N, C-alpha and C. Protein backbone atom coordinates (compact mmCIF):
# COMPACT_ATOMS: atom_id res chain seq x y z
N UNK A 1 58.37 146.11 96.93
CA UNK A 1 57.39 145.39 95.80
C UNK A 1 58.44 145.63 94.39
N UNK A 2 58.75 146.72 94.25
CA UNK A 2 60.05 146.81 93.13
C UNK A 2 60.94 145.97 92.90
N UNK A 3 61.84 145.99 94.77
CA UNK A 3 62.63 144.90 94.48
C UNK A 3 62.58 143.61 94.22
N UNK A 4 61.32 142.97 94.64
CA UNK A 4 61.29 141.62 94.48
C UNK A 4 60.80 141.43 93.26
N UNK A 5 60.50 142.39 92.28
CA UNK A 5 60.54 141.93 90.78
C UNK A 5 61.84 142.30 90.37
N UNK A 6 62.59 142.72 90.79
CA UNK A 6 64.35 143.10 90.05
C UNK A 6 64.78 141.67 90.39
N UNK A 7 64.50 141.04 91.74
CA UNK A 7 64.97 139.73 92.21
C UNK A 7 64.47 138.70 90.98
N UNK A 8 63.43 138.61 91.29
CA UNK A 8 62.58 137.42 90.32
C UNK A 8 63.21 137.57 89.10
N UNK A 9 63.28 138.73 88.37
CA UNK A 9 63.80 138.57 86.97
C UNK A 9 65.36 138.55 86.86
N UNK A 10 66.18 138.89 87.64
CA UNK A 10 67.57 138.30 87.95
C UNK A 10 67.73 136.77 87.95
N UNK A 11 66.68 136.11 89.10
CA UNK A 11 66.71 134.72 89.38
C UNK A 11 66.29 134.18 88.18
N UNK A 12 65.39 134.64 87.38
CA UNK A 12 64.76 134.19 86.19
C UNK A 12 66.05 133.90 85.41
N UNK A 13 66.74 134.88 84.91
CA UNK A 13 68.08 135.09 84.16
C UNK A 13 69.06 134.10 84.36
N UNK A 14 69.21 133.97 85.60
CA UNK A 14 70.19 133.34 85.69
C UNK A 14 69.79 131.73 85.55
N UNK A 15 68.76 131.43 86.11
CA UNK A 15 68.25 130.23 85.69
C UNK A 15 68.14 129.57 83.95
N UNK A 16 67.80 130.79 83.18
CA UNK A 16 67.86 130.88 81.42
C UNK A 16 69.62 130.19 81.44
N UNK A 17 70.38 130.96 81.91
CA UNK A 17 71.83 131.01 81.43
C UNK A 17 72.21 129.49 82.13
N UNK A 18 72.00 129.04 83.31
CA UNK A 18 72.32 128.01 83.74
C UNK A 18 71.75 126.78 82.85
N UNK A 19 70.62 126.99 82.24
CA UNK A 19 70.10 126.12 81.44
C UNK A 19 70.48 125.95 80.13
N UNK A 20 70.85 127.28 79.65
CA UNK A 20 71.64 126.99 78.24
C UNK A 20 72.89 126.85 78.30
N UNK A 21 73.61 126.74 79.43
CA UNK A 21 74.98 126.06 79.35
C UNK A 21 74.89 124.59 79.49
N UNK A 22 73.96 124.10 80.04
CA UNK A 22 73.59 122.96 80.51
C UNK A 22 73.30 122.13 78.79
N UNK A 23 72.46 122.80 78.14
CA UNK A 23 72.01 122.63 76.82
C UNK A 23 73.28 122.50 75.92
N UNK A 24 74.31 123.26 75.93
CA UNK A 24 75.44 123.34 75.31
C UNK A 24 76.08 122.20 75.51
N UNK A 25 76.33 121.76 76.60
CA UNK A 25 77.03 120.60 77.37
C UNK A 25 76.31 119.32 76.39
N UNK A 26 74.99 119.26 76.45
CA UNK A 26 74.46 118.00 75.98
C UNK A 26 74.74 118.00 74.65
N UNK A 27 74.60 119.44 73.75
CA UNK A 27 74.96 119.34 72.44
C UNK A 27 76.42 118.79 71.94
N UNK A 28 77.80 119.30 73.14
CA UNK A 28 78.91 118.90 72.65
C UNK A 28 79.11 117.76 73.68
N UNK A 29 78.71 116.31 73.13
CA UNK A 29 79.25 115.68 73.83
C UNK A 29 80.65 115.23 74.40
N UNK A 30 81.25 114.62 75.20
CA UNK A 30 82.83 114.46 75.70
C UNK A 30 83.24 113.85 74.93
N UNK A 31 84.76 113.96 74.24
CA UNK A 31 85.13 113.36 73.35
C UNK A 31 85.67 111.92 73.58
N UNK A 32 85.53 110.84 72.80
CA UNK A 32 85.63 109.64 72.81
C UNK A 32 86.99 108.99 73.16
N UNK A 33 87.14 108.54 74.13
CA UNK A 33 88.96 107.76 73.87
C UNK A 33 88.57 106.44 74.12
N UNK A 34 89.25 105.58 73.64
CA UNK A 34 89.26 104.29 73.66
C UNK A 34 90.43 103.79 74.53
N UNK A 35 90.69 103.11 75.62
CA UNK A 35 91.68 102.88 76.56
C UNK A 35 92.11 101.19 76.26
N UNK A 36 93.08 101.15 75.71
CA UNK A 36 93.58 99.85 75.78
C UNK A 36 94.26 98.99 76.93
N UNK A 37 93.84 98.25 77.53
CA UNK A 37 94.52 97.71 78.63
C UNK A 37 95.32 96.49 78.51
N UNK A 38 96.88 96.49 78.12
CA UNK A 38 97.66 95.47 77.67
C UNK A 38 98.26 94.54 79.16
N UNK A 39 98.51 93.47 78.80
CA UNK A 39 98.97 92.60 79.28
C UNK A 39 100.27 93.06 80.63
N UNK A 40 100.12 94.04 81.03
CA UNK A 40 101.11 94.17 81.83
C UNK A 40 100.50 95.08 83.34
N UNK A 41 101.52 94.82 84.33
CA UNK A 41 100.61 95.41 85.76
C UNK A 41 101.63 96.44 86.46
N UNK A 42 102.57 96.82 85.47
CA UNK A 42 103.26 98.10 85.90
C UNK A 42 102.29 99.06 86.38
N UNK A 43 102.81 100.10 87.47
CA UNK A 43 101.60 101.42 87.78
C UNK A 43 100.51 100.96 87.44
N UNK A 44 99.98 99.85 88.05
CA UNK A 44 98.48 99.71 87.61
C UNK A 44 97.75 100.55 88.14
N UNK A 45 97.89 100.95 89.96
CA UNK A 45 97.29 101.64 90.66
C UNK A 45 97.08 102.99 90.16
N UNK A 46 98.30 103.53 89.75
CA UNK A 46 98.51 104.97 89.34
C UNK A 46 97.68 105.17 87.89
N UNK A 47 97.63 104.09 86.99
CA UNK A 47 96.99 104.32 85.82
C UNK A 47 95.49 104.55 86.23
N UNK A 48 94.72 103.70 86.96
CA UNK A 48 93.44 103.79 87.34
C UNK A 48 93.43 105.02 87.67
N UNK A 49 93.95 105.32 88.70
CA UNK A 49 93.66 106.94 89.37
C UNK A 49 93.84 108.26 87.81
N UNK A 50 95.02 107.77 87.19
CA UNK A 50 94.98 108.89 86.23
C UNK A 50 93.72 108.90 85.34
N UNK A 51 93.35 107.54 84.99
CA UNK A 51 91.89 107.42 84.18
C UNK A 51 90.84 107.81 84.97
N UNK A 52 90.80 107.92 86.01
CA UNK A 52 89.75 108.58 87.04
C UNK A 52 89.85 109.91 86.60
N UNK A 53 91.02 110.99 86.46
CA UNK A 53 91.31 112.07 86.19
C UNK A 53 90.76 112.58 84.61
N UNK A 54 91.03 111.53 83.87
CA UNK A 54 90.63 112.42 82.45
C UNK A 54 89.64 111.73 82.42
N UNK A 55 88.82 110.88 82.74
CA UNK A 55 87.07 110.85 82.85
C UNK A 55 86.49 111.64 82.82
N UNK A 56 86.78 112.73 83.95
CA UNK A 56 85.81 113.90 83.78
C UNK A 56 85.81 114.81 82.73
N UNK A 57 86.91 114.75 81.73
CA UNK A 57 87.11 115.21 80.53
C UNK A 57 86.92 114.68 79.43
N UNK A 58 86.80 113.34 79.37
CA UNK A 58 86.61 112.37 78.31
C UNK A 58 85.79 111.16 78.58
N UNK A 59 85.04 110.91 77.68
CA UNK A 59 83.94 109.66 77.69
C UNK A 59 84.98 108.20 77.61
N UNK A 60 85.35 107.62 78.20
CA UNK A 60 86.26 106.35 78.13
C UNK A 60 85.44 105.46 77.92
N UNK A 61 86.09 104.42 77.17
CA UNK A 61 85.69 102.97 76.98
C UNK A 61 87.03 102.26 77.00
N UNK A 62 86.95 100.97 77.80
CA UNK A 62 88.11 99.92 78.04
C UNK A 62 87.92 98.81 77.04
N UNK A 63 89.11 98.33 76.71
CA UNK A 63 89.22 96.82 76.17
C UNK A 63 90.39 96.41 76.78
N UNK A 64 90.28 95.36 76.88
CA UNK A 64 91.42 94.38 77.25
C UNK A 64 92.03 93.35 76.18
N UNK A 65 93.28 93.50 76.11
CA UNK A 65 94.01 92.53 75.19
C UNK A 65 93.94 90.88 76.26
N UNK A 66 94.11 89.93 75.15
CA UNK A 66 93.84 88.60 75.70
C UNK A 66 94.79 88.35 76.89
N UNK A 67 96.00 88.85 76.84
CA UNK A 67 97.21 88.99 78.02
C UNK A 67 96.60 89.45 79.11
N UNK A 68 95.92 90.71 79.10
CA UNK A 68 95.37 91.61 80.03
C UNK A 68 94.40 91.00 80.83
N UNK A 69 93.56 89.93 80.13
CA UNK A 69 92.16 89.78 80.75
C UNK A 69 92.77 88.55 81.60
N UNK A 70 94.10 88.02 81.28
CA UNK A 70 94.43 86.65 82.00
C UNK A 70 95.28 87.14 83.52
N UNK A 71 95.88 88.65 83.61
CA UNK A 71 96.40 88.62 84.44
C UNK A 71 96.35 89.97 85.55
N UNK A 72 94.70 90.50 84.73
CA UNK A 72 94.59 92.05 85.30
C UNK A 72 93.17 91.78 85.62
N UNK A 73 92.70 92.00 87.00
CA UNK A 73 91.49 92.08 87.65
C UNK A 73 90.81 93.42 86.84
N UNK A 74 89.60 92.77 86.11
CA UNK A 74 88.89 93.89 85.45
C UNK A 74 88.00 94.74 86.37
N UNK A 75 88.20 94.03 87.93
CA UNK A 75 87.18 94.87 88.56
C UNK A 75 87.87 96.01 89.28
N UNK A 76 89.25 96.28 88.81
CA UNK A 76 89.98 97.63 89.18
C UNK A 76 89.76 98.51 88.20
N UNK A 77 88.86 98.58 87.19
CA UNK A 77 88.36 99.08 86.39
C UNK A 77 87.01 99.21 86.12
N UNK A 78 86.57 98.90 87.25
CA UNK A 78 84.55 98.65 87.17
C UNK A 78 84.08 99.82 87.28
N UNK A 79 84.61 101.01 87.69
CA UNK A 79 83.98 102.23 87.15
C UNK A 79 84.02 102.71 85.88
N UNK A 80 84.50 102.03 84.83
CA UNK A 80 84.67 102.58 83.25
C UNK A 80 84.01 101.54 82.79
N UNK A 81 83.43 102.01 81.50
CA UNK A 81 82.86 101.45 80.36
C UNK A 81 83.68 100.11 79.77
N UNK A 82 83.73 98.83 80.14
CA UNK A 82 84.64 97.79 79.61
C UNK A 82 83.55 97.07 78.49
N UNK A 83 84.39 97.09 77.04
CA UNK A 83 84.05 96.72 76.10
C UNK A 83 84.18 95.25 76.14
N UNK A 84 83.30 94.21 76.59
CA UNK A 84 83.42 92.83 76.93
C UNK A 84 83.51 92.14 75.56
N UNK A 85 82.91 92.53 74.50
CA UNK A 85 83.07 91.51 73.50
C UNK A 85 84.13 92.10 72.52
N UNK A 86 85.08 92.78 72.83
CA UNK A 86 86.20 93.14 72.01
C UNK A 86 87.04 91.76 71.40
N UNK A 87 87.06 92.18 69.89
CA UNK A 87 87.77 91.23 69.26
C UNK A 87 88.32 91.52 67.81
N UNK A 88 88.99 90.81 67.34
CA UNK A 88 89.37 91.05 65.87
C UNK A 88 88.23 91.20 65.12
N UNK A 89 87.06 90.71 65.16
CA UNK A 89 85.58 90.82 64.40
C UNK A 89 84.89 92.07 64.37
N UNK A 90 85.18 92.87 65.84
CA UNK A 90 84.46 94.02 65.76
C UNK A 90 85.48 95.42 65.83
N UNK A 91 86.73 95.41 66.06
CA UNK A 91 87.69 96.14 66.24
C UNK A 91 87.50 97.65 65.45
N UNK A 92 87.14 97.22 64.16
CA UNK A 92 86.73 98.43 63.25
C UNK A 92 85.54 99.30 63.86
N UNK A 93 84.66 98.63 64.15
CA UNK A 93 83.50 99.27 64.82
C UNK A 93 83.77 100.07 65.87
N UNK A 94 84.14 99.44 66.87
CA UNK A 94 85.07 99.85 67.95
C UNK A 94 85.97 101.03 67.62
N UNK A 95 86.81 101.42 66.82
CA UNK A 95 87.59 101.91 66.24
C UNK A 95 87.13 103.32 65.92
N UNK A 96 85.67 103.14 65.37
CA UNK A 96 85.03 104.26 64.37
C UNK A 96 84.64 105.16 65.23
N UNK A 97 84.13 104.45 66.73
CA UNK A 97 83.52 105.44 67.27
C UNK A 97 84.28 105.99 68.78
N UNK A 98 85.51 105.91 68.55
CA UNK A 98 86.48 106.72 69.35
C UNK A 98 87.61 107.72 68.85
N UNK A 99 87.62 108.59 69.28
CA UNK A 99 88.74 109.95 68.41
C UNK A 99 90.22 109.72 68.71
N UNK A 100 90.44 109.21 69.95
CA UNK A 100 91.77 109.25 70.59
C UNK A 100 91.67 107.71 71.13
N UNK A 101 93.16 107.06 71.15
CA UNK A 101 93.32 105.70 71.72
C UNK A 101 94.57 105.86 72.49
N UNK A 102 94.00 105.29 73.62
CA UNK A 102 95.40 105.40 74.47
C UNK A 102 95.63 103.97 75.18
N UNK A 103 96.87 103.86 75.20
CA UNK A 103 97.72 102.95 75.46
C UNK A 103 98.41 103.07 77.03
N UNK A 104 97.92 102.95 78.17
CA UNK A 104 98.63 103.14 79.38
C UNK A 104 99.56 102.24 79.78
N UNK A 105 99.44 101.04 79.21
CA UNK A 105 99.97 99.72 79.70
C UNK A 105 100.81 99.42 78.68
N UNK A 106 101.37 100.22 77.49
CA UNK A 106 102.29 99.59 76.21
C UNK A 106 103.29 98.56 76.94
N UNK A 107 103.48 97.76 76.07
CA UNK A 107 104.26 96.76 76.33
C UNK A 107 105.04 96.02 75.32
N UNK A 108 106.12 96.10 75.63
CA UNK A 108 107.49 95.51 74.84
C UNK A 108 107.34 94.94 73.47
N UNK A 109 106.24 93.93 73.91
CA UNK A 109 105.83 93.08 72.85
C UNK A 109 105.05 93.46 71.93
N UNK A 110 103.88 94.66 72.23
CA UNK A 110 102.96 95.14 71.36
C UNK A 110 104.00 96.53 70.66
N UNK A 111 105.35 96.91 71.26
CA UNK A 111 106.14 97.67 70.53
C UNK A 111 106.71 97.54 69.40
N UNK A 112 107.06 95.96 69.77
CA UNK A 112 108.11 95.37 68.62
C UNK A 112 107.12 94.97 67.47
N UNK A 113 105.95 94.50 67.91
CA UNK A 113 105.00 94.36 66.97
C UNK A 113 104.98 95.11 65.92
N UNK A 114 104.33 96.28 66.38
CA UNK A 114 103.94 97.53 65.90
C UNK A 114 105.12 98.19 65.11
N UNK A 115 106.11 98.01 65.50
CA UNK A 115 107.49 98.58 64.71
C UNK A 115 107.82 98.14 63.52
N UNK A 116 107.32 96.47 63.50
CA UNK A 116 107.47 95.66 62.05
C UNK A 116 106.22 95.46 61.32
N UNK A 117 105.21 96.32 61.81
CA UNK A 117 103.91 95.80 61.17
C UNK A 117 103.24 94.29 61.51
N UNK A 118 103.60 93.63 62.46
CA UNK A 118 102.88 92.77 62.66
C UNK A 118 101.47 93.09 63.49
N UNK A 119 100.52 92.26 62.78
CA UNK A 119 98.87 92.42 63.00
C UNK A 119 98.22 91.20 63.75
N UNK A 120 98.77 90.60 64.31
CA UNK A 120 98.70 89.30 64.66
C UNK A 120 97.36 89.05 65.90
N UNK A 121 96.90 90.40 66.38
CA UNK A 121 95.81 90.07 67.32
C UNK A 121 94.98 91.33 67.28
N UNK A 122 93.76 91.37 68.00
CA UNK A 122 93.09 92.28 67.80
C UNK A 122 93.64 93.93 68.40
N UNK A 123 94.54 93.90 69.38
CA UNK A 123 95.18 95.08 69.66
C UNK A 123 96.07 95.37 68.67
N UNK A 124 97.06 94.91 68.16
CA UNK A 124 97.73 95.15 67.31
C UNK A 124 97.18 95.71 65.97
N UNK A 125 95.97 95.22 65.65
CA UNK A 125 95.28 95.53 64.88
C UNK A 125 94.68 96.57 64.46
N UNK A 126 93.96 96.57 65.87
CA UNK A 126 93.25 98.09 66.00
C UNK A 126 94.30 99.35 65.86
N UNK A 127 95.36 99.39 66.60
CA UNK A 127 96.32 100.44 66.88
C UNK A 127 96.92 100.39 65.21
N UNK A 128 97.34 99.67 64.73
CA UNK A 128 97.72 99.57 63.37
C UNK A 128 96.75 100.62 62.61
N UNK A 129 95.30 99.78 62.49
CA UNK A 129 94.52 100.94 61.58
C UNK A 129 93.78 102.37 62.30
N UNK A 130 94.28 102.53 63.58
CA UNK A 130 94.20 103.96 63.89
C UNK A 130 95.30 104.65 63.34
N UNK A 131 96.80 104.32 63.28
CA UNK A 131 97.20 104.86 62.63
C UNK A 131 97.27 105.12 61.55
N UNK A 132 96.92 103.81 60.51
CA UNK A 132 96.58 104.36 59.49
C UNK A 132 95.56 105.31 59.16
N UNK A 133 94.59 105.72 60.26
CA UNK A 133 93.38 106.39 60.08
C UNK A 133 94.33 107.78 60.41
N UNK A 134 95.10 108.03 61.01
CA UNK A 134 95.78 108.91 61.58
C UNK A 134 94.78 109.41 62.53
N UNK A 135 94.50 108.54 63.66
CA UNK A 135 93.78 109.04 64.72
C UNK A 135 94.51 109.00 65.53
N UNK A 136 94.52 110.23 66.86
CA UNK A 136 95.31 110.38 67.65
C UNK A 136 95.69 109.32 68.65
N UNK A 137 97.17 108.35 68.49
CA UNK A 137 97.29 107.30 69.78
C UNK A 137 98.41 107.84 70.44
N UNK A 138 97.75 107.70 71.72
CA UNK A 138 98.82 108.11 72.80
C UNK A 138 99.40 106.85 73.93
N UNK A 139 100.40 106.80 74.04
CA UNK A 139 100.94 105.73 75.09
C UNK A 139 101.83 105.80 75.77
N UNK A 140 101.62 105.40 77.16
CA UNK A 140 102.70 105.59 78.42
C UNK A 140 103.69 104.17 77.62
N UNK A 141 105.34 104.68 77.76
CA UNK A 141 106.07 103.78 77.32
C UNK A 141 106.95 103.40 78.44
N UNK A 142 106.68 103.93 79.73
CA UNK A 142 107.50 103.57 80.90
C UNK A 142 108.07 101.98 81.00
N UNK A 143 106.76 101.17 80.86
CA UNK A 143 107.21 99.29 81.36
C UNK A 143 108.18 99.06 79.76
N UNK A 144 108.62 99.75 79.03
CA UNK A 144 109.09 99.16 77.84
C UNK A 144 110.38 99.43 77.44
N UNK A 145 110.78 100.62 78.67
CA UNK A 145 112.30 100.73 78.53
C UNK A 145 112.90 99.95 79.43
N UNK A 146 113.96 99.25 79.00
CA UNK A 146 115.26 98.56 79.94
C UNK A 146 116.38 99.47 80.18
N UNK A 147 116.46 99.35 81.70
CA UNK A 147 117.76 100.24 81.63
C UNK A 147 118.64 99.23 82.12
N UNK A 148 119.44 99.19 80.79
CA UNK A 148 120.88 98.11 80.59
C UNK A 148 121.39 98.39 79.31
N UNK A 149 122.67 98.12 79.58
CA UNK A 149 123.53 98.32 78.48
C UNK A 149 123.84 97.12 77.32
N UNK A 150 123.40 96.47 77.66
CA UNK A 150 123.64 94.76 77.08
C UNK A 150 122.94 95.37 75.76
N UNK A 151 123.39 94.76 74.66
CA UNK A 151 123.06 95.07 73.22
C UNK A 151 121.41 94.49 73.30
N UNK A 152 121.00 93.43 73.70
CA UNK A 152 119.67 93.17 73.84
C UNK A 152 118.84 94.49 74.18
N UNK A 153 119.19 95.07 75.43
CA UNK A 153 118.66 96.12 76.04
C UNK A 153 118.65 97.06 74.97
N UNK A 154 119.49 97.46 73.96
CA UNK A 154 119.55 98.58 73.22
C UNK A 154 118.38 98.24 72.00
N UNK A 155 118.07 96.83 71.69
CA UNK A 155 117.59 96.62 70.92
C UNK A 155 116.15 96.87 70.96
N UNK A 156 115.79 96.37 72.42
CA UNK A 156 114.37 96.56 72.90
C UNK A 156 114.01 97.97 73.15
N UNK A 157 115.02 99.08 73.47
CA UNK A 157 115.11 100.53 73.50
C UNK A 157 114.95 101.23 72.21
N UNK A 158 115.41 100.75 71.35
CA UNK A 158 115.08 101.26 69.88
C UNK A 158 114.12 100.83 68.90
N UNK A 159 113.30 100.25 69.72
CA UNK A 159 112.05 99.71 69.19
C UNK A 159 111.15 100.94 69.43
N UNK A 160 111.34 101.12 70.82
CA UNK A 160 110.32 102.75 71.36
C UNK A 160 110.89 103.66 70.61
N UNK A 161 112.15 103.87 70.46
CA UNK A 161 112.71 105.22 69.52
C UNK A 161 111.99 105.15 67.89
N UNK A 162 112.19 103.79 67.25
CA UNK A 162 111.35 103.69 65.88
C UNK A 162 109.81 104.06 66.01
N UNK A 163 109.14 103.68 67.24
CA UNK A 163 107.69 103.80 67.23
C UNK A 163 107.27 105.23 67.41
N UNK A 164 108.22 106.05 67.97
CA UNK A 164 108.11 107.50 68.30
C UNK A 164 108.23 108.10 66.69
N UNK A 165 108.69 107.67 65.37
CA UNK A 165 108.51 108.13 64.41
C UNK A 165 107.42 107.91 63.66
N UNK A 166 106.38 107.11 64.29
CA UNK A 166 105.26 106.68 63.61
C UNK A 166 103.94 107.26 63.88
N UNK A 167 104.09 108.50 63.95
CA UNK A 167 102.79 109.42 64.63
C UNK A 167 102.43 108.88 65.63
N UNK A 168 102.98 108.07 66.50
CA UNK A 168 102.10 107.76 67.92
C UNK A 168 102.89 108.30 68.90
N UNK A 169 102.13 109.13 69.83
CA UNK A 169 102.52 109.79 70.50
C UNK A 169 102.97 109.10 71.90
N UNK A 170 104.44 109.18 72.34
CA UNK A 170 104.67 108.32 73.41
C UNK A 170 105.30 109.27 74.52
N UNK A 171 104.74 108.81 75.78
CA UNK A 171 104.81 109.71 77.22
C UNK A 171 104.81 108.88 78.24
N UNK A 172 105.79 109.19 79.21
CA UNK A 172 105.82 108.40 80.53
C UNK A 172 104.78 108.70 80.98
N UNK A 173 104.12 108.01 82.01
CA UNK A 173 103.06 107.57 82.42
C UNK A 173 102.64 109.20 83.19
N UNK A 174 103.26 109.58 84.05
CA UNK A 174 103.32 110.70 84.64
C UNK A 174 102.78 112.01 83.88
N UNK A 175 102.87 111.95 82.53
CA UNK A 175 102.82 113.18 81.62
C UNK A 175 101.85 113.22 80.65
N UNK A 176 101.17 111.36 80.30
CA UNK A 176 99.96 111.31 79.23
C UNK A 176 98.77 111.98 79.60
N UNK A 177 98.48 111.91 80.95
CA UNK A 177 97.19 112.74 81.17
C UNK A 177 96.90 114.10 80.68
N UNK A 178 97.79 114.77 80.73
CA UNK A 178 98.04 116.03 80.79
C UNK A 178 97.76 116.52 78.90
N UNK A 179 98.10 115.47 78.19
CA UNK A 179 98.12 115.66 76.81
C UNK A 179 96.71 115.23 76.21
N UNK A 180 95.86 114.48 76.73
CA UNK A 180 94.54 114.11 76.13
C UNK A 180 93.91 114.86 75.84
């Protein structure tokens, strides 16, 4: 009889401990990451896999650039929250709800625009504003590098180098999931 009371007490204490841990998790929601899908299909399958991994630790919301909407099947990302009404009109509101901005498909075009301060679409506006607000901005730059020695290739690659000096964290795709 005494042993049953001890076991019952232990079980109740374990249940209390489990419940208190769940309560803590509820009070500390996952950090929010806004994932920007740009108009590139490089490493797309790998990106989906990496996003699945980091979604265990972070609350992900996805937006698609206009170019991405035209060339990427959103169904590849169906298990994630996709913001359908993303535009230049509501990027401030969306930005305010997210702590980290992640660009797993950074394009040469977006790099060039950011380097010279062009804000001509919702994506460049959002990233520019995030940088001005000193939000953490992380990008995979694999698809932005040109493996060629001609002057034009050097110009494109120099844009990536310039962007690295602008408080934007650039990583190769295989490394970016570890820095989130």
